Amino acid sequence: MTRHTDNKLRDAAFAALERSHAPYSGFPVGAALRAGNGVVFQGCNVENASYGLGICAERVAVFSAVMTGAGAFDCIAIATEAEEPSPPCGACLQVLAEFAAMDLKVYSYCRNGAHASWSLGSLLPHPFTANLLTTTNG
């Protein structure tokens, strides 16, 4: 990934962060997911007074991309106001594993300039996958 692309994806994640609705947790998150064809899909977390009905930024981005038929994702950037870079939560990692390869690059950026990167596989080394759903008739 080139430096220019890093900045573009990071900026898209921070732009999504500005649209976050996080009045309950106080932890706004923005995400920008890039498909193999270069199209970027943004997402922000949207919380609800009924906590379980909220959704994370990463899943919003993935679901938006899937809705358009996009696939072959190569990276996702996450932006937060936290002091230290935050990886996606477990639910988001599992959703990413459904639609992306385990070598998906995951970048996390903080407003203070701190940043980190991982592969999806390093964050979720043993995902639950469709092949686990197959049964044997023995």
C-alpha atoms as a PDB file:
ATOM      1  CA  MET A   1       0.000   0.000   0.000  1.00  0.00           C
ATOM      2  CA  THR A   2       1.405   3.384  -0.914  1.00  0.00           C
ATOM      3  CA  ARG A   3       1.706   6.286   1.499  1.00  0.00           C
ATOM      4  CA  HIS A   4      -0.833   8.273  -0.543  1.00  0.00           C
ATOM      5  CA  THR A   5      -3.338   5.428  -0.282  1.00  0.00           C
ATOM      6  CA  ASP A   6      -2.682   5.114   3.465  1.00  0.00           C
ATOM      7  CA  ASN A   7      -3.533   8.785   3.901  1.00  0.00           C
ATOM      8  CA  LYS A   8      -6.647   8.546   1.740  1.00  0.00           C
ATOM      9  CA  LEU A   9      -7.976   5.549   3.640  1.00  0.00           C
ATOM     10  CA  ARG A  10      -7.057   7.073   7.018  1.00  0.00           C
ATOM     11  CA  ASP A  11      -8.786  10.331   6.058  1.00  0.00           C
ATOM     12  CA  ALA A  12     -11.906   8.427   4.979  1.00  0.00           C
ATOM     13  CA  ALA A  13     -11.989   6.658   8.363  1.00  0.00           C
ATOM     14  CA  PHE A  14     -11.669   9.979  10.217  1.00  0.00           C
ATOM     15  CA  ALA A  15     -14.429  11.487   8.039  1.00  0.00           C
ATOM     16  CA  ALA A  16     -16.678   8.563   9.008  1.00  0.00           C
ATOM     17  CA  LEU A  17     -15.733   9.074  12.670  1.00  0.00           C
ATOM     18  CA  GLU A  18     -17.295  12.536  12.470  1.00  0.00           C
ATOM     19  CA  ARG A  19     -20.679  10.926  11.693  1.00  0.00           C
ATOM     20  CA  SER A  20     -20.555   8.468  14.591  1.00  0.00           C
ATOM     21  CA  HIS A  21     -23.524   8.336  16.970  1.00  0.00           C
ATOM     22  CA  ALA A  22     -21.993   7.193  20.256  1.00  0.00           C
ATOM     23  CA  PRO A  23     -23.794   9.053  23.073  1.00  0.00           C
ATOM     24  CA  TYR A  24     -23.840   6.009  25.405  1.00  0.00           C
ATOM     25  CA  SER A  25     -20.307   4.631  25.208  1.00  0.00           C
ATOM     26  CA  GLY A  26     -18.621   7.919  24.358  1.00  0.00           C
ATOM     27  CA  PHE A  27     -16.366   5.870  22.046  1.00  0.00           C
ATOM     28  CA  PRO A  28     -16.919   7.086  18.478  1.00  0.00           C
ATOM     29  CA  VAL A  29     -15.407   4.984  15.707  1.00  0.00           C
ATOM     30  CA  GLY A  30     -15.060   5.472  11.970  1.00  0.00           C
ATOM     31  CA  ALA A  31     -14.017   2.848   9.447  1.00  0.00           C
ATOM     32  CA  ALA A  32     -13.017   2.793   5.796  1.00  0.00           C
ATOM     33  CA  LEU A  33     -12.884  -0.538   3.972  1.00  0.00           C
ATOM     34  CA  ARG A  34     -11.153  -0.718   0.602  1.00  0.00           C
ATOM     35  CA  ALA A  35     -12.235  -3.246  -2.001  1.00  0.00           C
ATOM     36  CA  GLY A  36      -9.790  -4.733  -4.452  1.00  0.00           C
ATOM     37  CA  ASN A  37     -11.042  -2.391  -7.180  1.00  0.00           C
ATOM     38  CA  GLY A  38     -10.086   0.635  -5.051  1.00  0.00           C
ATOM     39  CA  VAL A  39     -13.605   1.619  -3.988  1.00  0.00           C
ATOM     40  CA  VAL A  40     -13.767   2.689  -0.332  1.00  0.00           C
ATOM     41  CA  PHE A  41     -16.784   1.986   1.865  1.00  0.00           C
ATOM     42  CA  GLN A  42     -17.194   3.979   5.059  1.00  0.00           C
ATOM     43  CA  GLY A  43     -18.933   3.122   8.279  1.00  0.00           C
ATOM     44  CA  CYS A  44     -19.413   4.633  11.713  1.00  0.00           C
ATOM     45  CA  ASN A  45     -20.711   3.153  14.915  1.00  0.00           C
ATOM     46  CA  VAL A  46     -24.356   3.854  15.594  1.00  0.00           C
ATOM     47  CA  GLU A  47     -25.516   3.272  19.146  1.00  0.00           C
ATOM     48  CA  ASN A  48     -29.044   2.908  20.460  1.00  0.00           C
ATOM     49  CA  ALA A  49     -30.580   3.386  23.902  1.00  0.00           C
ATOM     50  CA  SER A  50     -31.285  -0.348  23.732  1.00  0.00           C
ATOM     51  CA  TYR A  51     -27.557  -1.163  23.753  1.00  0.00           C
ATOM     52  CA  GLY A  52     -27.721  -4.460  21.883  1.00  0.00           C
ATOM     53  CA  LEU A  53     -29.242  -2.735  18.870  1.00  0.00           C
ATOM     54  CA  GLY A  54     -26.154  -0.658  18.113  1.00  0.00           C
ATOM     55  CA  ILE A  55     -23.690  -1.552  15.385  1.00  0.00           C
ATOM     56  CA  CYS A  56     -19.953  -1.073  15.010  1.00  0.00           C
ATOM     57  CA  ALA A  57     -18.301   1.042  12.328  1.00  0.00           C
ATOM     58  CA  GLU A  58     -16.464  -1.890  10.789  1.00  0.00           C
ATOM     59  CA  ARG A  59     -19.648  -3.899  10.252  1.00  0.00           C
ATOM     60  CA  VAL A  60     -21.436  -0.896   8.754  1.00  0.00           C
ATOM     61  CA  ALA A  61     -18.599  -0.601   6.212  1.00  0.00           C
ATOM     62  CA  VAL A  62     -18.623  -4.331   5.425  1.00  0.00           C
ATOM     63  CA  PHE A  63     -22.401  -4.504   5.056  1.00  0.00           C
ATOM     64  CA  SER A  64     -22.429  -1.422   2.821  1.00  0.00           C
ATOM     65  CA  ALA A  65     -19.788  -3.001   0.608  1.00  0.00           C
ATOM     66  CA  VAL A  66     -21.575  -6.354   0.442  1.00  0.00           C
ATOM     67  CA  MET A  67     -24.829  -4.605  -0.480  1.00  0.00           C
ATOM     68  CA  THR A  68     -23.158  -3.199  -3.612  1.00  0.00           C
ATOM     69  CA  GLY A  69     -21.624  -6.523  -4.585  1.00  0.00           C
ATOM     70  CA  ALA A  70     -18.080  -5.452  -3.725  1.00  0.00           C
ATOM     71  CA  GLY A  71     -15.586  -8.031  -2.592  1.00  0.00           C
ATOM     72  CA  ALA A  72     -11.918  -8.924  -2.441  1.00  0.00           C
ATOM     73  CA  PHE A  73     -11.180  -6.422   0.313  1.00  0.00           C
ATOM     74  CA  ASP A  74      -7.522  -5.588   0.835  1.00  0.00           C
ATOM     75  CA  CYS A  75      -7.549  -3.335   3.916  1.00  0.00           C
ATOM     76  CA  ILE A  76      -9.625  -1.546   6.494  1.00  0.00           C
ATOM     77  CA  ALA A  77      -8.732   1.585   8.436  1.00  0.00           C
ATOM     78  CA  ILE A  78     -10.257   2.401  11.805  1.00  0.00           C
ATOM     79  CA  ALA A  79     -10.217   5.845  13.398  1.00  0.00           C
ATOM     80  CA  THR A  80     -10.928   6.621  17.053  1.00  0.00           C
ATOM     81  CA  GLU A  81     -10.443   9.328  19.639  1.00  0.00           C
ATOM     82  CA  ALA A  82      -8.695   6.814  21.922  1.00  0.00           C
ATOM     83  CA  GLU A  83      -5.162   7.364  23.193  1.00  0.00           C
ATOM     84  CA  GLU A  84      -3.998   3.994  21.837  1.00  0.00           C
ATOM     85  CA  PRO A  85      -4.894   2.180  18.590  1.00  0.00           C
ATOM     86  CA  SER A  86      -7.929  -0.082  18.877  1.00  0.00           C
ATOM     87  CA  PRO A  87      -8.379  -3.291  16.931  1.00  0.00           C
ATOM     88  CA  PRO A  88     -11.906  -4.276  15.849  1.00  0.00           C
ATOM     89  CA  CYS A  89     -14.054  -6.063  18.417  1.00  0.00           C
ATOM     90  CA  GLY A  90     -14.555  -9.833  18.187  1.00  0.00           C
ATOM     91  CA  ALA A  91     -17.886  -9.543  16.374  1.00  0.00           C
ATOM     92  CA  CYS A  92     -16.357  -7.288  13.736  1.00  0.00           C
ATOM     93  CA  LEU A  93     -13.378  -9.601  13.301  1.00  0.00           C
ATOM     94  CA  GLN A  94     -15.736 -12.518  12.726  1.00  0.00           C
ATOM     95  CA  VAL A  95     -17.719 -10.548  10.124  1.00  0.00           C
ATOM     96  CA  LEU A  96     -14.513  -9.471   8.401  1.00  0.00           C
ATOM     97  CA  ALA A  97     -13.411 -13.134   8.295  1.00  0.00           C
ATOM     98  CA  GLU A  98     -16.638 -13.992   6.455  1.00  0.00           C
ATOM     99  CA  PHE A  99     -15.912 -11.533   3.644  1.00  0.00           C
ATOM    100  CA  ALA A 100     -12.122 -11.012   3.595  1.00  0.00           C
ATOM    101  CA  ALA A 101      -8.973 -13.099   3.486  1.00  0.00           C
ATOM    102  CA  MET A 102      -7.013 -13.626   6.673  1.00  0.00           C
ATOM    103  CA  ASP A 103      -4.205 -11.457   5.257  1.00  0.00           C
ATOM    104  CA  LEU A 104      -6.529  -8.415   5.223  1.00  0.00           C
ATOM    105  CA  LYS A 105      -4.556  -5.461   6.550  1.00  0.00           C
ATOM    106  CA  VAL A 106      -6.168  -3.778   9.566  1.00  0.00           C
ATOM    107  CA  TYR A 107      -4.965  -0.247  10.334  1.00  0.00           C
ATOM    108  CA  SER A 108      -5.949   1.664  13.471  1.00  0.00           C
ATOM    109  CA  TYR A 109      -5.418   5.417  13.812  1.00  0.00           C
ATOM    110  CA  CYS A 110      -5.877   7.765  16.754  1.00  0.00           C
ATOM    111  CA  ARG A 111      -6.500  11.483  16.556  1.00  0.00           C
ATOM    112  CA  ASN A 112      -3.273  12.000  18.559  1.00  0.00           C
ATOM    113  CA  GLY A 113      -1.234  10.386  15.765  1.00  0.00           C
ATOM    114  CA  ALA A 114      -0.750   6.961  17.350  1.00  0.00           C
ATOM    115  CA  HIS A 115      -1.335   4.106  14.930  1.00  0.00           C
ATOM    116  CA  ALA A 116      -0.901   0.357  14.582  1.00  0.00           C
ATOM    117  CA  SER A 117      -1.484  -2.345  12.007  1.00  0.00           C
ATOM    118  CA  TRP A 118      -2.215  -6.042  12.063  1.00  0.00           C
ATOM    119  CA  SER A 119      -3.406  -8.759   9.733  1.00  0.00           C
ATOM    120  CA  LEU A 120      -6.906 -10.106  10.264  1.00  0.00           C
ATOM    121  CA  GLY A 121      -5.387 -13.541  10.877  1.00  0.00           C
ATOM    122  CA  SER A 122      -3.189 -12.258  13.701  1.00  0.00           C
ATOM    123  CA  LEU A 123      -6.222 -10.714  15.411  1.00  0.00           C
ATOM    124  CA  LEU A 124      -8.505 -13.721  14.808  1.00  0.00           C
ATOM    125  CA  PRO A 125      -6.292 -16.785  14.411  1.00  0.00           C
ATOM    126  CA  HIS A 126      -9.117 -19.340  14.562  1.00  0.00           C
ATOM    127  CA  PRO A 127     -12.262 -17.896  12.956  1.00  0.00           C
ATOM    128  CA  PHE A 128     -15.565 -19.714  12.832  1.00  0.00           C
ATOM    129  CA  THR A 129     -16.024 -20.426   9.123  1.00  0.00           C
ATOM    130  CA  ALA A 130     -18.622 -21.951   6.829  1.00  0.00           C
ATOM    131  CA  ASN A 131     -16.586 -25.149   6.463  1.00  0.00           C
ATOM    132  CA  LEU A 132     -17.185 -25.807  10.176  1.00  0.00           C
ATOM    133  CA  LEU A 133     -20.910 -26.007   9.428  1.00  0.00           C
ATOM    134  CA  THR A 134     -20.566 -29.057   7.203  1.00  0.00           C
ATOM    135  CA  THR A 135     -21.599 -32.326   8.721  1.00  0.00           C
ATOM    136  CA  THR A 136     -20.558 -35.844   7.937  1.00  0.00           C
ATOM    137  CA  ASN A 137     -22.928 -38.735   7.529  1.00  0.00           C
ATOM    138  CA  GLY A 138     -21.072 -41.557   9.126  1.00  0.00           C
END
